[in-house]
């Protein structure tokens, strides 16, 4: 789900675990992550929310979370940032990260 900064603020304030990918349409590694995130969204449905923020459309959100490399993955629990990864990852790598925090 591609969201705006306002929707991201609302989403991370929930009691759910939320993984956000910060991405750019011009970023080839970001493009490769689409299928990976779709798989994760299906597997963790109801347990982890997966969201995407386009850095070009939401530059203030990227700045707020100190996003300096793409793709960046940030995991929130109860509104708090608990983990950050920069760079493309495999499904297995992202699953391991999510499993460690939930």
Protein backbone atom coordinates (compact mmCIF):
# COMPACT_ATOMS: atom_id res chain seq x y z
CA UNK A 1 0.00 0.00 0.00
CA UNK A 2 1.54 3.31 -1.10
CA UNK A 3 0.69 5.96 1.48
CA UNK A 4 1.24 9.63 2.30
CA UNK A 5 2.88 11.10 5.36
CA UNK A 6 -0.43 11.77 7.11
CA UNK A 7 -1.60 8.20 6.60
CA UNK A 8 1.79 6.91 7.78
CA UNK A 9 1.47 8.87 11.02
CA UNK A 10 -1.98 7.37 11.59
CA UNK A 11 -0.79 3.85 10.73
CA UNK A 12 2.25 3.81 13.01
CA UNK A 13 0.21 5.05 15.97
CA UNK A 14 -1.81 1.82 15.97
CA UNK A 15 -0.88 -1.11 18.19
CA UNK A 16 0.16 -3.11 15.13
CA UNK A 17 3.65 -3.75 13.91
CA UNK A 18 4.21 -1.74 10.73
CA UNK A 19 6.98 -2.17 8.18
CA UNK A 20 7.46 0.79 5.86
CA UNK A 21 9.52 0.77 2.69
CA UNK A 22 10.79 4.16 1.59
CA UNK A 23 11.29 3.92 -2.17
CA UNK A 24 11.73 5.88 -5.38
CA UNK A 25 10.37 5.14 -8.84
CA UNK A 26 13.84 5.79 -10.31
CA UNK A 27 15.49 3.22 -7.96
CA UNK A 28 16.00 -0.23 -9.61
CA UNK A 29 16.48 -2.08 -6.27
CA UNK A 30 13.23 -0.51 -5.07
CA UNK A 31 11.40 -1.82 -8.13
CA UNK A 32 12.66 -5.34 -7.41
CA UNK A 33 11.17 -5.17 -3.90
CA UNK A 34 7.56 -4.95 -5.11
CA UNK A 35 7.02 -8.72 -5.34
CA UNK A 36 8.90 -9.30 -2.09
CA UNK A 37 6.62 -6.90 -0.23
CA UNK A 38 3.51 -8.37 -1.85
CA UNK A 39 4.56 -11.82 -0.56
CA UNK A 40 5.21 -10.46 2.93
CA UNK A 41 1.90 -8.63 2.99
CA UNK A 42 0.04 -11.88 2.26
CA UNK A 43 2.05 -13.94 4.74
CA UNK A 44 1.79 -11.51 7.65
CA UNK A 45 -1.78 -10.34 6.96
CA UNK A 46 -3.38 -9.40 10.27
CA UNK A 47 -0.05 -9.40 12.15
CA UNK A 48 2.12 -6.83 10.37
CA UNK A 49 1.03 -3.95 8.18
CA UNK A 50 3.21 -3.31 5.14
CA UNK A 51 3.30 0.19 3.66
CA UNK A 52 5.32 2.02 1.03
CA UNK A 53 6.24 5.70 0.98
CA UNK A 54 7.42 7.29 -2.26
CA UNK A 55 10.25 9.63 -1.25
CA UNK A 56 9.73 11.90 -4.26
CA UNK A 57 6.08 12.51 -3.37
CA UNK A 58 6.73 12.71 0.39
CA UNK A 59 10.10 14.41 0.92
CA UNK A 60 9.21 15.74 4.36
CA UNK A 61 8.33 12.25 5.58
CA UNK A 62 11.67 10.95 4.31
CA UNK A 63 13.43 13.77 6.13
CA UNK A 64 11.44 13.15 9.32
CA UNK A 65 12.67 9.55 9.43
CA UNK A 66 16.21 10.36 8.26
CA UNK A 67 15.97 8.27 5.10
CA UNK A 68 19.27 8.62 3.26
CA UNK A 69 19.42 5.44 1.18
CA UNK A 70 16.89 3.50 -0.87
CA UNK A 71 15.17 1.25 -0.42
CA UNK A 72 14.94 1.80 3.33
CA UNK A 73 12.84 -0.40 5.57
CA UNK A 74 11.67 0.95 8.91
CA UNK A 75 9.71 -1.11 11.41
CA UNK A 76 7.46 0.52 14.00
CA UNK A 77 5.71 -0.96 17.02
CA UNK A 78 3.18 1.09 18.95
CA UNK A 79 4.38 4.26 17.24
CA UNK A 80 8.07 3.74 18.00
CA UNK A 81 10.75 3.03 15.40
CA UNK A 82 12.36 -0.24 16.46
CA UNK A 83 14.40 -1.32 13.43
CA UNK A 84 15.89 0.10 10.23
CA UNK A 85 17.50 -1.58 7.19
CA UNK A 86 18.90 0.10 4.10
CA UNK A 87 19.21 -1.72 0.79
CA UNK A 88 17.29 -4.41 -1.06
CA UNK A 89 16.65 -7.58 0.92
CA UNK A 90 15.33 -11.02 0.06
CA UNK A 91 11.99 -12.33 1.33
CA UNK A 92 13.89 -14.57 3.75
CA UNK A 93 15.97 -11.70 5.11
CA UNK A 94 12.93 -9.49 5.68
CA UNK A 95 10.99 -12.39 7.23
CA UNK A 96 13.85 -12.97 9.67
CA UNK A 97 13.84 -9.30 10.65
CA UNK A 98 10.06 -9.24 11.12
CA UNK A 99 10.05 -12.51 13.06
CA UNK A 100 12.73 -11.13 15.40
CA UNK A 101 10.61 -8.12 16.33
CA UNK A 102 7.10 -9.59 16.59
